[in-house]
Amino acid sequence: MLKALLAKDLRFDGKVVTLTVVSTLLIMLDYYQPFSFNKPLERFSLYLVIPLGIILFGFREHPKAYGFGFGDWKAGLFLTLAGAALMTPVIWLLVYSDASTQGYYQAWLAPNLAGRNLLELLGWEFLFRGWLLFGYARKYGPDALWLQAVPFALAHIGKPAAETFSTIFGGFAFGWVAWRTRSFLYPCLIHWFIATLIVLLASGALGVK
């Protein structure tokens, strides 16, 4: 009786469960057990290598099904350049109108900033705009665009408020670019541009005020 009661209407999609549980645990592990020797390499390993391993050896699928590839590169190139152009004045305004943003990022300038950001964001973007977006899309269709944006926004808690509140919409926009191009690489490039520019502006490295 108890077994029948507990089992009633409880049929789970194993891949959806895996996507949700693994991604949540990886984000928690990143937060609570940081490997401080190399944060970009840590996030690349947690957010790209581990999910990719599960896709290959657990799901036994081709990574291309999760946006791992160049996809529609012509649309991707156009959207990347358009996104960078659109976000440049937004980032400039954010940095110089919000003291908390400038204070938070001005100390982030480091040698090989662009390379470190790219390594970290390859992992970060694959987790949300590859693994979760295309994994959820199989069951939930376009609603996956919003579903992947929720953990993305929550992962920003602790950053400046103006940035954090915008990430639910930014996460959706990044997801749409990945959805349109069938690749996580183009939102990764846009995100990389934003992350690098905000540090350069906040630190005064560009000499612009």
N, C-alpha and C. Protein backbone atom coordinates (compact mmCIF):
# COMPACT_ATOMS: atom_id res chain seq x y z
N MET A 1 0.82 -1.21 0.00
CA MET A 1 0.00 0.00 0.00
C MET A 1 0.86 1.26 0.00
N LEU A 2 1.85 1.27 0.91
CA LEU A 2 2.74 2.43 1.01
C LEU A 2 3.54 2.60 -0.27
N LYS A 3 3.99 1.47 -0.81
CA LYS A 3 4.77 1.53 -2.05
C LYS A 3 3.93 2.08 -3.19
N ALA A 4 2.69 1.63 -3.30
CA ALA A 4 1.80 2.11 -4.35
C ALA A 4 1.49 3.58 -4.18
N LEU A 5 1.34 4.02 -2.92
CA LEU A 5 1.03 5.43 -2.65
C LEU A 5 2.20 6.32 -3.04
N LEU A 6 3.40 5.91 -2.67
CA LEU A 6 4.58 6.72 -2.96
C LEU A 6 4.89 6.76 -4.45
N ALA A 7 4.57 5.68 -5.14
CA ALA A 7 4.92 5.60 -6.55
C ALA A 7 3.90 6.25 -7.47
N LYS A 8 2.74 6.58 -6.97
CA LYS A 8 1.67 7.10 -7.80
C LYS A 8 2.08 8.42 -8.46
N ASP A 9 1.97 8.45 -9.78
CA ASP A 9 2.25 9.64 -10.58
C ASP A 9 3.69 10.14 -10.47
N LEU A 10 4.58 9.33 -9.94
CA LEU A 10 5.98 9.75 -9.83
C LEU A 10 6.82 9.01 -10.86
N ARG A 11 6.83 9.55 -12.04
CA ARG A 11 7.67 9.01 -13.11
C ARG A 11 8.60 10.11 -13.58
N PHE A 12 9.87 9.91 -13.35
CA PHE A 12 10.85 10.95 -13.63
C PHE A 12 11.62 10.65 -14.92
N ASP A 13 11.99 11.71 -15.60
CA ASP A 13 12.89 11.60 -16.75
C ASP A 13 14.32 11.58 -16.20
N GLY A 14 15.00 10.46 -16.39
CA GLY A 14 16.33 10.29 -15.81
C GLY A 14 17.33 11.35 -16.23
N LYS A 15 17.26 11.78 -17.48
CA LYS A 15 18.21 12.79 -17.96
C LYS A 15 17.91 14.16 -17.35
N VAL A 16 16.62 14.48 -17.20
CA VAL A 16 16.27 15.76 -16.57
C VAL A 16 16.74 15.77 -15.12
N VAL A 17 16.56 14.65 -14.43
CA VAL A 17 17.03 14.55 -13.04
C VAL A 17 18.54 14.72 -12.98
N THR A 18 19.25 14.06 -13.88
CA THR A 18 20.71 14.16 -13.90
C THR A 18 21.16 15.58 -14.19
N LEU A 19 20.57 16.21 -15.19
CA LEU A 19 20.91 17.60 -15.52
C LEU A 19 20.73 18.51 -14.32
N THR A 20 19.58 18.37 -13.65
CA THR A 20 19.25 19.27 -12.55
C THR A 20 20.13 19.03 -11.34
N VAL A 21 20.27 17.77 -10.93
CA VAL A 21 21.04 17.45 -9.73
C VAL A 21 22.52 17.73 -9.93
N VAL A 22 23.08 17.28 -11.04
CA VAL A 22 24.51 17.46 -11.27
C VAL A 22 24.87 18.94 -11.37
N SER A 23 24.10 19.71 -12.14
CA SER A 23 24.42 21.14 -12.28
C SER A 23 24.32 21.86 -10.94
N THR A 24 23.32 21.51 -10.14
CA THR A 24 23.17 22.14 -8.82
C THR A 24 24.34 21.80 -7.92
N LEU A 25 24.74 20.54 -7.91
CA LEU A 25 25.87 20.12 -7.07
C LEU A 25 27.18 20.76 -7.54
N LEU A 26 27.35 20.91 -8.84
CA LEU A 26 28.58 21.54 -9.34
C LEU A 26 28.67 23.01 -8.92
N ILE A 27 27.54 23.72 -8.99
CA ILE A 27 27.53 25.13 -8.57
C ILE A 27 27.82 25.23 -7.07
N MET A 28 27.23 24.33 -6.28
CA MET A 28 27.48 24.33 -4.83
C MET A 28 28.93 23.98 -4.52
N LEU A 29 29.47 23.00 -5.25
CA LEU A 29 30.86 22.62 -5.04
C LEU A 29 31.79 23.78 -5.37
N ASP A 30 31.49 24.49 -6.44
CA ASP A 30 32.28 25.66 -6.82
C ASP A 30 32.27 26.70 -5.71
N TYR A 31 31.12 26.87 -5.06
CA TYR A 31 30.99 27.90 -4.03
C TYR A 31 31.63 27.48 -2.70
N TYR A 32 31.37 26.25 -2.29
CA TYR A 32 31.79 25.82 -0.95
C TYR A 32 33.18 25.18 -0.91
N GLN A 33 33.63 24.63 -2.02
CA GLN A 33 34.93 23.96 -2.03
C GLN A 33 35.80 24.52 -3.15
N PRO A 34 36.13 25.80 -3.08
CA PRO A 34 36.93 26.38 -4.16
C PRO A 34 38.36 25.86 -4.17
N PHE A 35 38.85 25.55 -5.35
CA PHE A 35 40.24 25.17 -5.52
C PHE A 35 40.99 26.44 -5.92
N SER A 36 41.50 27.12 -4.95
CA SER A 36 41.96 28.49 -5.14
C SER A 36 43.21 28.60 -6.01
N PHE A 37 43.85 27.48 -6.34
CA PHE A 37 45.09 27.58 -7.11
C PHE A 37 44.84 28.12 -8.52
N ASN A 38 43.65 27.89 -9.06
CA ASN A 38 43.36 28.37 -10.42
C ASN A 38 41.85 28.34 -10.63
N LYS A 39 41.18 29.46 -10.33
CA LYS A 39 39.72 29.50 -10.41
C LYS A 39 39.21 29.27 -11.83
N PRO A 40 39.78 29.90 -12.86
CA PRO A 40 39.30 29.63 -14.23
C PRO A 40 39.40 28.16 -14.62
N LEU A 41 40.52 27.51 -14.27
CA LEU A 41 40.69 26.10 -14.60
C LEU A 41 39.70 25.25 -13.82
N GLU A 42 39.45 25.63 -12.57
CA GLU A 42 38.47 24.91 -11.75
C GLU A 42 37.09 24.94 -12.40
N ARG A 43 36.65 26.11 -12.82
CA ARG A 43 35.32 26.22 -13.41
C ARG A 43 35.25 25.57 -14.78
N PHE A 44 36.32 25.62 -15.53
CA PHE A 44 36.36 24.92 -16.81
C PHE A 44 36.17 23.42 -16.58
N SER A 45 36.84 22.89 -15.55
CA SER A 45 36.75 21.46 -15.26
C SER A 45 35.37 21.08 -14.73
N LEU A 46 34.87 21.87 -13.78
CA LEU A 46 33.57 21.56 -13.18
C LEU A 46 32.43 21.68 -14.17
N TYR A 47 32.44 22.78 -14.93
CA TYR A 47 31.27 23.13 -15.72
C TYR A 47 31.31 22.65 -17.17
N LEU A 48 32.48 22.25 -17.65
CA LEU A 48 32.56 21.74 -19.02
C LEU A 48 33.03 20.29 -19.05
N VAL A 49 34.14 19.99 -18.41
CA VAL A 49 34.70 18.65 -18.50
C VAL A 49 33.77 17.60 -17.89
N ILE A 50 33.24 17.87 -16.71
CA ILE A 50 32.37 16.89 -16.05
C ILE A 50 31.06 16.68 -16.82
N PRO A 51 30.31 17.75 -17.18
CA PRO A 51 29.11 17.51 -17.98
C PRO A 51 29.40 16.83 -19.32
N LEU A 52 30.51 17.20 -19.97
CA LEU A 52 30.87 16.59 -21.24
C LEU A 52 31.14 15.09 -21.06
N GLY A 53 31.78 14.74 -19.95
CA GLY A 53 32.03 13.33 -19.65
C GLY A 53 30.73 12.56 -19.46
N ILE A 54 29.75 13.19 -18.79
CA ILE A 54 28.46 12.54 -18.59
C ILE A 54 27.72 12.35 -19.91
N ILE A 55 27.80 13.36 -20.78
CA ILE A 55 27.17 13.26 -22.11
C ILE A 55 27.76 12.09 -22.89
N LEU A 56 29.09 11.97 -22.88
CA LEU A 56 29.77 10.96 -23.67
C LEU A 56 29.63 9.56 -23.09
N PHE A 57 29.85 9.43 -21.77
CA PHE A 57 29.95 8.10 -21.17
C PHE A 57 28.71 7.70 -20.37
N GLY A 58 27.91 8.69 -19.95
CA GLY A 58 26.68 8.39 -19.24
C GLY A 58 25.48 8.33 -20.17
N PHE A 59 25.27 9.43 -20.89
CA PHE A 59 24.15 9.50 -21.83
C PHE A 59 24.46 8.79 -23.16
N ARG A 60 25.76 8.66 -23.46
CA ARG A 60 26.21 8.07 -24.72
C ARG A 60 25.62 8.83 -25.92
N GLU A 61 25.80 10.12 -25.88
CA GLU A 61 25.30 10.99 -26.95
C GLU A 61 26.45 11.81 -27.52
N HIS A 62 26.19 12.42 -28.67
CA HIS A 62 27.18 13.29 -29.28
C HIS A 62 27.07 14.68 -28.64
N PRO A 63 28.19 15.29 -28.27
CA PRO A 63 28.15 16.62 -27.65
C PRO A 63 27.46 17.68 -28.51
N LYS A 64 27.43 17.46 -29.82
CA LYS A 64 26.78 18.42 -30.71
C LYS A 64 25.32 18.62 -30.33
N ALA A 65 24.69 17.59 -29.77
CA ALA A 65 23.29 17.69 -29.36
C ALA A 65 23.11 18.67 -28.21
N TYR A 66 24.20 19.03 -27.56
CA TYR A 66 24.17 19.97 -26.44
C TYR A 66 24.87 21.28 -26.80
N GLY A 67 24.88 21.62 -28.07
CA GLY A 67 25.43 22.90 -28.49
C GLY A 67 26.93 22.95 -28.55
N PHE A 68 27.59 21.79 -28.55
CA PHE A 68 29.05 21.75 -28.58
C PHE A 68 29.50 21.70 -30.04
N GLY A 69 29.76 22.85 -30.60
CA GLY A 69 30.16 22.96 -31.99
C GLY A 69 29.95 24.38 -32.47
N PHE A 70 30.20 24.62 -33.74
CA PHE A 70 30.08 25.97 -34.29
C PHE A 70 28.66 26.31 -34.71
N GLY A 71 27.80 25.31 -34.90
CA GLY A 71 26.41 25.59 -35.25
C GLY A 71 26.28 26.46 -36.49
N ASP A 72 25.35 27.39 -36.44
CA ASP A 72 25.15 28.35 -37.53
C ASP A 72 26.14 29.50 -37.33
N TRP A 73 27.33 29.34 -37.90
CA TRP A 73 28.41 30.28 -37.59
C TRP A 73 28.15 31.67 -38.17
N LYS A 74 27.43 31.75 -39.29
CA LYS A 74 27.15 33.07 -39.86
C LYS A 74 26.24 33.88 -38.94
N ALA A 75 25.17 33.25 -38.46
CA ALA A 75 24.29 33.93 -37.50
C ALA A 75 25.04 34.19 -36.20
N GLY A 76 25.89 33.24 -35.82
CA GLY A 76 26.66 33.40 -34.58
C GLY A 76 27.60 34.58 -34.63
N LEU A 77 28.29 34.75 -35.75
CA LEU A 77 29.20 35.88 -35.90
C LEU A 77 28.45 37.19 -35.85
N PHE A 78 27.33 37.26 -36.56
CA PHE A 78 26.53 38.49 -36.57
C PHE A 78 26.02 38.81 -35.16
N LEU A 79 25.47 37.83 -34.47
CA LEU A 79 24.91 38.07 -33.13
C LEU A 79 25.99 38.41 -32.12
N THR A 80 27.17 37.83 -32.29
CA THR A 80 28.29 38.15 -31.38
C THR A 80 28.70 39.61 -31.53
N LEU A 81 28.89 40.05 -32.77
CA LEU A 81 29.29 41.44 -33.02
C LEU A 81 28.18 42.40 -32.60
N ALA A 82 26.93 42.05 -32.88
CA ALA A 82 25.80 42.91 -32.49
C ALA A 82 25.68 42.98 -30.98
N GLY A 83 25.86 41.85 -30.32
CA GLY A 83 25.78 41.83 -28.86
C GLY A 83 26.87 42.66 -28.21
N ALA A 84 28.09 42.56 -28.75
CA ALA A 84 29.20 43.34 -28.21
C ALA A 84 28.96 44.83 -28.40
N ALA A 85 28.47 45.20 -29.60
CA ALA A 85 28.19 46.61 -29.88
C ALA A 85 27.09 47.15 -28.97
N LEU A 86 26.06 46.35 -28.77
CA LEU A 86 24.93 46.78 -27.93
C LEU A 86 25.34 46.92 -26.48
N MET A 87 26.17 46.01 -25.99
CA MET A 87 26.50 45.99 -24.57
C MET A 87 27.60 46.96 -24.18
N THR A 88 28.38 47.45 -25.14
CA THR A 88 29.47 48.36 -24.79
C THR A 88 28.98 49.61 -24.06
N PRO A 89 28.01 50.37 -24.60
CA PRO A 89 27.54 51.54 -23.84
C PRO A 89 26.81 51.17 -22.55
N VAL A 90 26.17 50.02 -22.53
CA VAL A 90 25.48 49.58 -21.31
C VAL A 90 26.49 49.33 -20.19
N ILE A 91 27.58 48.64 -20.52
CA ILE A 91 28.61 48.35 -19.52
C ILE A 91 29.29 49.65 -19.06
N TRP A 92 29.57 50.53 -20.01
CA TRP A 92 30.19 51.82 -19.64
C TRP A 92 29.30 52.58 -18.67
N LEU A 93 28.01 52.64 -18.96
CA LEU A 93 27.06 53.34 -18.09
C LEU A 93 26.97 52.68 -16.73
N LEU A 94 26.94 51.36 -16.71
CA LEU A 94 26.85 50.63 -15.44
C LEU A 94 28.05 50.89 -14.56
N VAL A 95 29.24 50.82 -15.15
CA VAL A 95 30.46 50.99 -14.37
C VAL A 95 30.56 52.39 -13.78
N TYR A 96 30.24 53.42 -14.58
CA TYR A 96 30.46 54.78 -14.13
C TYR A 96 29.24 55.42 -13.47
N SER A 97 28.15 54.67 -13.37
CA SER A 97 26.99 55.19 -12.63
C SER A 97 26.71 54.41 -11.36
N ASP A 98 27.39 53.29 -11.19
CA ASP A 98 27.15 52.45 -10.03
C ASP A 98 28.47 52.20 -9.30
N ALA A 99 28.63 52.85 -8.17
CA ALA A 99 29.89 52.76 -7.43
C ALA A 99 30.18 51.34 -6.97
N SER A 100 29.14 50.59 -6.65
CA SER A 100 29.36 49.22 -6.16
C SER A 100 29.94 48.33 -7.26
N THR A 101 29.50 48.54 -8.49
CA THR A 101 30.04 47.77 -9.61
C THR A 101 31.50 48.12 -9.86
N GLN A 102 31.80 49.41 -9.84
CA GLN A 102 33.18 49.82 -10.06
C GLN A 102 34.08 49.30 -8.94
N GLY A 103 33.61 49.42 -7.70
CA GLY A 103 34.41 48.95 -6.58
C GLY A 103 34.63 47.45 -6.60
N TYR A 104 33.61 46.72 -7.04
CA TYR A 104 33.70 45.26 -7.05
C TYR A 104 34.70 44.77 -8.09
N TYR A 105 34.70 45.40 -9.26
CA TYR A 105 35.51 44.87 -10.36
C TYR A 105 36.87 45.53 -10.53
N GLN A 106 37.12 46.63 -9.85
CA GLN A 106 38.38 47.33 -10.11
C GLN A 106 39.60 46.54 -9.65
N ALA A 107 39.39 45.58 -8.73
CA ALA A 107 40.52 44.78 -8.25
C ALA A 107 40.68 43.48 -9.03
N TRP A 108 39.85 43.28 -10.04
CA TRP A 108 39.89 42.02 -10.78
C TRP A 108 40.93 42.00 -11.89
N LEU A 109 41.55 43.14 -12.17
CA LEU A 109 42.55 43.19 -13.24
C LEU A 109 43.72 42.28 -12.88
N ALA A 110 44.06 41.39 -13.79
CA ALA A 110 45.13 40.43 -13.53
C ALA A 110 45.84 40.12 -14.84
N PRO A 111 47.08 39.63 -14.76
CA PRO A 111 47.78 39.23 -15.99
C PRO A 111 46.95 38.21 -16.77
N ASN A 112 46.96 38.33 -18.07
CA ASN A 112 46.23 37.43 -18.96
C ASN A 112 44.74 37.40 -18.62
N LEU A 113 44.19 38.59 -18.36
CA LEU A 113 42.78 38.69 -18.01
C LEU A 113 41.89 38.07 -19.08
N ALA A 114 42.15 38.37 -20.34
CA ALA A 114 41.31 37.87 -21.42
C ALA A 114 41.35 36.35 -21.51
N GLY A 115 42.53 35.77 -21.37
CA GLY A 115 42.67 34.32 -21.43
C GLY A 115 42.01 33.63 -20.26
N ARG A 116 42.18 34.18 -19.07
CA ARG A 116 41.55 33.61 -17.87
C ARG A 116 40.03 33.67 -17.98
N ASN A 117 39.52 34.80 -18.44
CA ASN A 117 38.06 34.94 -18.59
C ASN A 117 37.52 33.94 -19.61
N LEU A 118 38.24 33.76 -20.71
CA LEU A 118 37.77 32.83 -21.75
C LEU A 118 37.73 31.40 -21.23
N LEU A 119 38.76 31.00 -20.52
CA LEU A 119 38.81 29.64 -19.97
C LEU A 119 37.65 29.41 -19.01
N GLU A 120 37.43 30.36 -18.12
CA GLU A 120 36.35 30.23 -17.14
C GLU A 120 34.98 30.23 -17.81
N LEU A 121 34.79 31.12 -18.77
CA LEU A 121 33.46 31.27 -19.38
C LEU A 121 33.14 30.17 -20.37
N LEU A 122 34.13 29.48 -20.89
CA LEU A 122 33.85 28.30 -21.70
C LEU A 122 33.12 27.26 -20.84
N GLY A 123 33.58 27.10 -19.60
CA GLY A 123 32.90 26.18 -18.70
C GLY A 123 31.56 26.71 -18.26
N TRP A 124 31.53 27.97 -17.85
CA TRP A 124 30.31 28.61 -17.35
C TRP A 124 29.20 28.57 -18.40
N GLU A 125 29.52 28.92 -19.62
CA GLU A 125 28.51 28.97 -20.67
C GLU A 125 28.08 27.57 -21.13
N PHE A 126 29.00 26.62 -21.13
CA PHE A 126 28.58 25.28 -21.52
C PHE A 126 27.59 24.70 -20.51
N LEU A 127 27.80 24.97 -19.23
CA LEU A 127 26.87 24.45 -18.22
C LEU A 127 25.46 24.96 -18.46
N PHE A 128 25.31 26.27 -18.67
CA PHE A 128 23.98 26.87 -18.79
C PHE A 128 23.44 26.84 -20.22
N ARG A 129 24.24 27.24 -21.18
CA ARG A 129 23.75 27.39 -22.55
C ARG A 129 24.02 26.17 -23.43
N GLY A 130 24.65 25.15 -22.86
CA GLY A 130 24.84 23.90 -23.58
C GLY A 130 24.14 22.77 -22.88
N TRP A 131 24.73 22.32 -21.81
CA TRP A 131 24.22 21.19 -21.00
C TRP A 131 22.78 21.38 -20.56
N LEU A 132 22.46 22.48 -19.87
CA LEU A 132 21.11 22.68 -19.36
C LEU A 132 20.12 23.10 -20.45
N LEU A 133 20.49 24.06 -21.28
CA LEU A 133 19.55 24.57 -22.29
C LEU A 133 19.09 23.46 -23.23
N PHE A 134 20.02 22.79 -23.86
CA PHE A 134 19.65 21.79 -24.85
C PHE A 134 19.16 20.50 -24.20
N GLY A 135 19.63 20.23 -22.98
CA GLY A 135 19.11 19.07 -22.26
C GLY A 135 17.66 19.26 -21.86
N TYR A 136 17.33 20.41 -21.30
CA TYR A 136 15.95 20.70 -20.91
C TYR A 136 15.04 20.86 -22.13
N ALA A 137 15.59 21.38 -23.22
CA ALA A 137 14.77 21.67 -24.40
C ALA A 137 14.10 20.41 -24.96
N ARG A 138 14.72 19.27 -24.77
CA ARG A 138 14.14 18.03 -25.28
C ARG A 138 12.79 17.73 -24.63
N LYS A 139 12.64 18.11 -23.39
CA LYS A 139 11.40 17.83 -22.68
C LYS A 139 10.49 19.05 -22.62
N TYR A 140 11.08 20.23 -22.47
CA TYR A 140 10.30 21.44 -22.22
C TYR A 140 10.26 22.42 -23.39
N GLY A 141 10.97 22.13 -24.47
CA GLY A 141 10.94 23.00 -25.62
C GLY A 141 11.51 24.38 -25.32
N PRO A 142 10.95 25.45 -25.89
CA PRO A 142 11.48 26.80 -25.69
C PRO A 142 11.46 27.27 -24.24
N ASP A 143 10.64 26.65 -23.39
CA ASP A 143 10.65 27.03 -21.97
C ASP A 143 12.01 26.80 -21.33
N ALA A 144 12.83 25.98 -21.96
CA ALA A 144 14.18 25.76 -21.46
C ALA A 144 14.99 27.04 -21.40
N LEU A 145 14.63 28.01 -22.24
CA LEU A 145 15.33 29.30 -22.22
C LEU A 145 15.20 29.96 -20.85
N TRP A 146 14.02 29.89 -20.25
CA TRP A 146 13.81 30.47 -18.92
C TRP A 146 14.34 29.55 -17.83
N LEU A 147 14.18 28.26 -18.02
CA LEU A 147 14.62 27.31 -16.99
C LEU A 147 16.12 27.41 -16.73
N GLN A 148 16.91 27.53 -17.79
CA GLN A 148 18.36 27.63 -17.59
C GLN A 148 18.78 28.99 -17.05
N ALA A 149 17.94 30.00 -17.25
CA ALA A 149 18.28 31.34 -16.77
C ALA A 149 18.15 31.47 -15.26
N VAL A 150 17.34 30.60 -14.64
CA VAL A 150 17.12 30.70 -13.19
C VAL A 150 18.39 30.35 -12.40
N PRO A 151 19.00 29.17 -12.59
CA PRO A 151 20.24 28.89 -11.85
C PRO A 151 21.37 29.85 -12.24
N PHE A 152 21.36 30.31 -13.48
CA PHE A 152 22.37 31.29 -13.91
C PHE A 152 22.25 32.56 -13.07
N ALA A 153 21.03 33.05 -12.88
CA ALA A 153 20.82 34.26 -12.08
C ALA A 153 21.19 34.02 -10.62
N LEU A 154 20.79 32.88 -10.06
CA LEU A 154 21.08 32.58 -8.66
C LEU A 154 22.59 32.45 -8.42
N ALA A 155 23.32 31.99 -9.42
CA ALA A 155 24.77 31.86 -9.29
C ALA A 155 25.47 33.21 -9.21
N HIS A 156 24.76 34.29 -9.52
CA HIS A 156 25.33 35.63 -9.45
C HIS A 156 25.12 36.31 -8.09
N ILE A 157 24.38 35.68 -7.21
CA ILE A 157 24.14 36.29 -5.90
C ILE A 157 25.48 36.53 -5.21
N GLY A 158 25.65 37.73 -4.70
CA GLY A 158 26.92 38.14 -4.11
C GLY A 158 27.64 39.16 -4.97
N LYS A 159 27.27 39.24 -6.23
CA LYS A 159 27.82 40.27 -7.11
C LYS A 159 26.98 41.54 -6.96
N PRO A 160 27.41 42.66 -7.54
CA PRO A 160 26.64 43.91 -7.42
C PRO A 160 25.18 43.72 -7.80
N ALA A 161 24.29 44.39 -7.06
CA ALA A 161 22.85 44.17 -7.22
C ALA A 161 22.37 44.47 -8.63
N ALA A 162 22.85 45.56 -9.21
CA ALA A 162 22.39 45.93 -10.56
C ALA A 162 22.67 44.82 -11.56
N GLU A 163 23.82 44.21 -11.43
CA GLU A 163 24.18 43.11 -12.33
C GLU A 163 23.33 41.87 -12.04
N THR A 164 23.20 41.54 -10.76
CA THR A 164 22.49 40.32 -10.38
C THR A 164 21.03 40.35 -10.80
N PHE A 165 20.35 41.48 -10.58
CA PHE A 165 18.94 41.56 -10.94
C PHE A 165 18.72 41.44 -12.46
N SER A 166 19.73 41.82 -13.23
CA SER A 166 19.58 41.78 -14.69
C SER A 166 19.83 40.40 -15.27
N THR A 167 20.40 39.49 -14.48
CA THR A 167 20.88 38.24 -15.06
C THR A 167 19.77 37.28 -15.46
N ILE A 168 18.59 37.38 -14.90
CA ILE A 168 17.51 36.51 -15.35
C ILE A 168 17.17 36.82 -16.81
N PHE A 169 17.25 38.10 -17.17
CA PHE A 169 16.98 38.51 -18.56
C PHE A 169 18.21 38.31 -19.44
N GLY A 170 19.39 38.60 -18.86
CA GLY A 170 20.63 38.35 -19.59
C GLY A 170 20.82 36.87 -19.87
N GLY A 171 20.47 36.04 -18.90
CA GLY A 171 20.57 34.59 -19.09
C GLY A 171 19.64 34.11 -20.19
N PHE A 172 18.45 34.69 -20.24
CA PHE A 172 17.52 34.36 -21.32
C PHE A 172 18.10 34.77 -22.67
N ALA A 173 18.67 35.99 -22.73
CA ALA A 173 19.23 36.49 -23.99
C ALA A 173 20.40 35.62 -24.46
N PHE A 174 21.29 35.26 -23.54
CA PHE A 174 22.38 34.36 -23.90
C PHE A 174 21.83 33.03 -24.40
N GLY A 175 20.79 32.55 -23.70
CA GLY A 175 20.17 31.29 -24.11
C GLY A 175 19.57 31.38 -25.50
N TRP A 176 18.95 32.52 -25.81
CA TRP A 176 18.35 32.67 -27.13
C TRP A 176 19.41 32.63 -28.23
N VAL A 177 20.55 33.27 -27.97
CA VAL A 177 21.64 33.24 -28.95
C VAL A 177 22.09 31.79 -29.19
N ALA A 178 22.24 31.04 -28.10
CA ALA A 178 22.63 29.63 -28.23
C ALA A 178 21.55 28.84 -28.98
N TRP A 179 20.30 29.10 -28.66
CA TRP A 179 19.17 28.41 -29.29
C TRP A 179 19.15 28.71 -30.79
N ARG A 180 19.35 29.97 -31.14
CA ARG A 180 19.30 30.38 -32.54
C ARG A 180 20.45 29.79 -33.34
N THR A 181 21.62 29.73 -32.74
CA THR A 181 22.81 29.28 -33.46
C THR A 181 23.10 27.80 -33.27
N ARG A 182 22.42 27.17 -32.31
CA ARG A 182 22.66 25.77 -31.93
C ARG A 182 24.06 25.57 -31.40
N SER A 183 24.57 26.58 -30.71
CA SER A 183 25.93 26.51 -30.17
C SER A 183 26.05 27.40 -28.94
N PHE A 184 26.79 26.93 -27.93
CA PHE A 184 27.04 27.74 -26.74
C PHE A 184 28.21 28.70 -26.94
N LEU A 185 28.93 28.56 -28.04
CA LEU A 185 30.15 29.35 -28.23
C LEU A 185 29.88 30.84 -28.41
N TYR A 186 28.79 31.20 -29.06
CA TYR A 186 28.54 32.61 -29.36
C TYR A 186 28.10 33.39 -28.11
N PRO A 187 27.20 32.85 -27.27
CA PRO A 187 26.96 33.54 -26.00
C PRO A 187 28.21 33.58 -25.13
N CYS A 188 29.06 32.56 -25.28
CA CYS A 188 30.33 32.57 -24.53
C CYS A 188 31.19 33.75 -24.95
N LEU A 189 31.29 34.01 -26.25
CA LEU A 189 32.09 35.13 -26.74
C LEU A 189 31.51 36.47 -26.30
N ILE A 190 30.19 36.60 -26.33
CA ILE A 190 29.56 37.84 -25.87
C ILE A 190 29.81 38.03 -24.38
N HIS A 191 29.63 36.97 -23.62
CA HIS A 191 29.85 37.03 -22.16
C HIS A 191 31.30 37.36 -21.85
N TRP A 192 32.22 36.76 -22.63
CA TRP A 192 33.64 37.03 -22.45
C TRP A 192 33.94 38.52 -22.70
N PHE A 193 33.36 39.07 -23.76
CA PHE A 193 33.57 40.49 -24.06
C PHE A 193 33.07 41.36 -22.92
N ILE A 194 31.87 41.07 -22.40
CA ILE A 194 31.29 41.85 -21.31
C ILE A 194 32.15 41.75 -20.06
N ALA A 195 32.53 40.52 -19.70
CA ALA A 195 33.30 40.30 -18.47
C ALA A 195 34.66 40.98 -18.53
N THR A 196 35.28 40.96 -19.69
CA THR A 196 36.60 41.59 -19.83
C THR A 196 36.49 43.11 -19.85
N LEU A 197 35.52 43.62 -20.57
CA LEU A 197 35.34 45.06 -20.67
C LEU A 197 35.02 45.68 -19.32
N ILE A 198 34.18 45.03 -18.54
CA ILE A 198 33.77 45.62 -17.26
C ILE A 198 34.95 45.74 -16.30
N VAL A 199 35.86 44.76 -16.34
CA VAL A 199 37.06 44.84 -15.49
C VAL A 199 37.99 45.93 -15.99
N LEU A 200 38.19 46.00 -17.30
CA LEU A 200 39.09 47.02 -17.85
C LEU A 200 38.59 48.43 -17.56
N LEU A 201 37.29 48.64 -17.66
CA LEU A 201 36.72 49.96 -17.37
C LEU A 201 36.78 50.27 -15.87
N ALA A 202 36.39 49.31 -15.05
CA ALA A 202 36.37 49.55 -13.61
C ALA A 202 37.75 49.81 -13.04
N SER A 203 38.75 49.15 -13.61
CA SER A 203 40.12 49.30 -13.10
C SER A 203 40.83 50.52 -13.68
N GLY A 204 40.22 51.15 -14.69
CA GLY A 204 40.84 52.29 -15.33
C GLY A 204 41.92 51.91 -16.32
N ALA A 205 41.99 50.62 -16.67
CA ALA A 205 43.04 50.16 -17.57
C ALA A 205 42.92 50.74 -18.98
N LEU A 206 41.72 51.14 -19.37
CA LEU A 206 41.51 51.72 -20.69
C LEU A 206 41.68 53.23 -20.69
N GLY A 207 41.85 53.82 -19.52
CA GLY A 207 42.03 55.24 -19.43
C GLY A 207 40.77 56.03 -19.77
N VAL A 208 39.61 55.37 -19.65
CA VAL A 208 38.34 56.03 -19.99
C VAL A 208 37.55 56.26 -18.70
N LYS A 209 37.02 57.49 -18.55
CA LYS A 209 36.22 57.82 -17.38
C LYS A 209 35.06 58.69 -17.76
